Amino acid sequence: MRSLLLPAGLVLLALFEAAAVWFVMPLPGSQRVRSVEIAFALHSARWAIRATALL
């Protein structure tokens, strides 16, 4: 169980960073949703999410 925590945390961290870029950059499909509010929320909580994912 413990050996799965690090890879799971790294996957969550990668998904978080990819989502942050996807909501800010004008990529296909990213402009169909109101992404500014989501991007701001992710940016505001970035250090808490990163710390949680790496623990």
C-alpha atoms as a PDB file:
ATOM      1  CA  MET A   1       0.000   0.000   0.000  1.00  0.00           C
ATOM      2  CA  ARG A   2       2.745   2.438   0.958  1.00  0.00           C
ATOM      3  CA  SER A   3       4.611   1.783  -2.280  1.00  0.00           C
ATOM      4  CA  LEU A   4       1.609   3.066  -4.259  1.00  0.00           C
ATOM      5  CA  LEU A   5       1.403   6.415  -2.487  1.00  0.00           C
ATOM      6  CA  LEU A   6       4.362   8.050  -4.224  1.00  0.00           C
ATOM      7  CA  PRO A   7       3.303   7.155  -7.784  1.00  0.00           C
ATOM      8  CA  ALA A   8      -0.294   8.136  -6.997  1.00  0.00           C
ATOM      9  CA  GLY A   9       0.874  11.482  -5.611  1.00  0.00           C
ATOM     10  CA  LEU A  10       3.027  12.125  -8.660  1.00  0.00           C
ATOM     11  CA  VAL A  11       0.141  11.296 -10.989  1.00  0.00           C
ATOM     12  CA  LEU A  12      -2.144  13.673  -9.069  1.00  0.00           C
ATOM     13  CA  LEU A  13       0.505  16.372  -9.221  1.00  0.00           C
ATOM     14  CA  ALA A  14       0.933  15.908 -12.982  1.00  0.00           C
ATOM     15  CA  LEU A  15      -2.841  16.032 -13.513  1.00  0.00           C
ATOM     16  CA  PHE A  16      -3.090  19.208 -11.437  1.00  0.00           C
ATOM     17  CA  GLU A  17      -0.341  20.933 -13.415  1.00  0.00           C
ATOM     18  CA  ALA A  18      -1.835  19.810 -16.738  1.00  0.00           C
ATOM     19  CA  ALA A  19      -5.272  21.085 -15.689  1.00  0.00           C
ATOM     20  CA  ALA A  20      -3.812  24.427 -14.666  1.00  0.00           C
ATOM     21  CA  VAL A  21      -2.189  24.841 -18.086  1.00  0.00           C
ATOM     22  CA  TRP A  22      -5.270  23.573 -19.940  1.00  0.00           C
ATOM     23  CA  PHE A  23      -7.572  26.095 -18.248  1.00  0.00           C
ATOM     24  CA  VAL A  24      -5.264  29.052 -18.964  1.00  0.00           C
ATOM     25  CA  MET A  25      -3.946  28.275 -22.451  1.00  0.00           C
ATOM     26  CA  PRO A  26      -6.211  28.579 -25.489  1.00  0.00           C
ATOM     27  CA  LEU A  27      -6.227  24.865 -26.317  1.00  0.00           C
ATOM     28  CA  PRO A  28      -9.027  23.112 -28.215  1.00  0.00           C
ATOM     29  CA  GLY A  29     -11.980  22.636 -25.893  1.00  0.00           C
ATOM     30  CA  SER A  30     -10.568  24.668 -23.041  1.00  0.00           C
ATOM     31  CA  GLN A  31     -12.497  27.793 -23.978  1.00  0.00           C
ATOM     32  CA  ARG A  32     -15.922  26.122 -23.928  1.00  0.00           C
ATOM     33  CA  VAL A  33     -16.100  26.322 -20.159  1.00  0.00           C
ATOM     34  CA  ARG A  34     -15.732  29.341 -17.910  1.00  0.00           C
ATOM     35  CA  SER A  35     -12.132  28.473 -17.205  1.00  0.00           C
ATOM     36  CA  VAL A  36     -10.910  31.742 -15.697  1.00  0.00           C
ATOM     37  CA  GLU A  37     -12.594  31.087 -12.357  1.00  0.00           C
ATOM     38  CA  ILE A  38     -11.348  27.494 -12.268  1.00  0.00           C
ATOM     39  CA  ALA A  39      -7.822  28.559 -13.203  1.00  0.00           C
ATOM     40  CA  PHE A  40      -7.834  31.206 -10.463  1.00  0.00           C
ATOM     41  CA  ALA A  41      -9.050  28.672  -7.889  1.00  0.00           C
ATOM     42  CA  LEU A  42      -6.319  26.207  -8.908  1.00  0.00           C
ATOM     43  CA  HIS A  43      -3.715  28.948  -8.778  1.00  0.00           C
ATOM     44  CA  SER A  44      -4.881  30.076  -5.337  1.00  0.00           C
ATOM     45  CA  ALA A  45      -4.690  26.559  -3.904  1.00  0.00           C
ATOM     46  CA  ARG A  46      -1.590  25.418  -5.798  1.00  0.00           C
ATOM     47  CA  TRP A  47       0.776  25.087  -2.840  1.00  0.00           C
ATOM     48  CA  ALA A  48      -1.739  23.219  -0.707  1.00  0.00           C
ATOM     49  CA  ILE A  49      -2.489  20.829  -3.570  1.00  0.00           C
ATOM     50  CA  ARG A  50       1.212  20.311  -4.357  1.00  0.00           C
ATOM     51  CA  ALA A  51       2.059  19.646  -0.713  1.00  0.00           C
ATOM     52  CA  THR A  52      -0.837  17.207  -0.367  1.00  0.00           C
ATOM     53  CA  ALA A  53       0.091  15.362  -3.547  1.00  0.00           C
ATOM     54  CA  LEU A  54       3.731  15.000  -2.536  1.00  0.00           C
ATOM     55  CA  LEU A  55       2.988  13.803   0.987  1.00  0.00           C
END
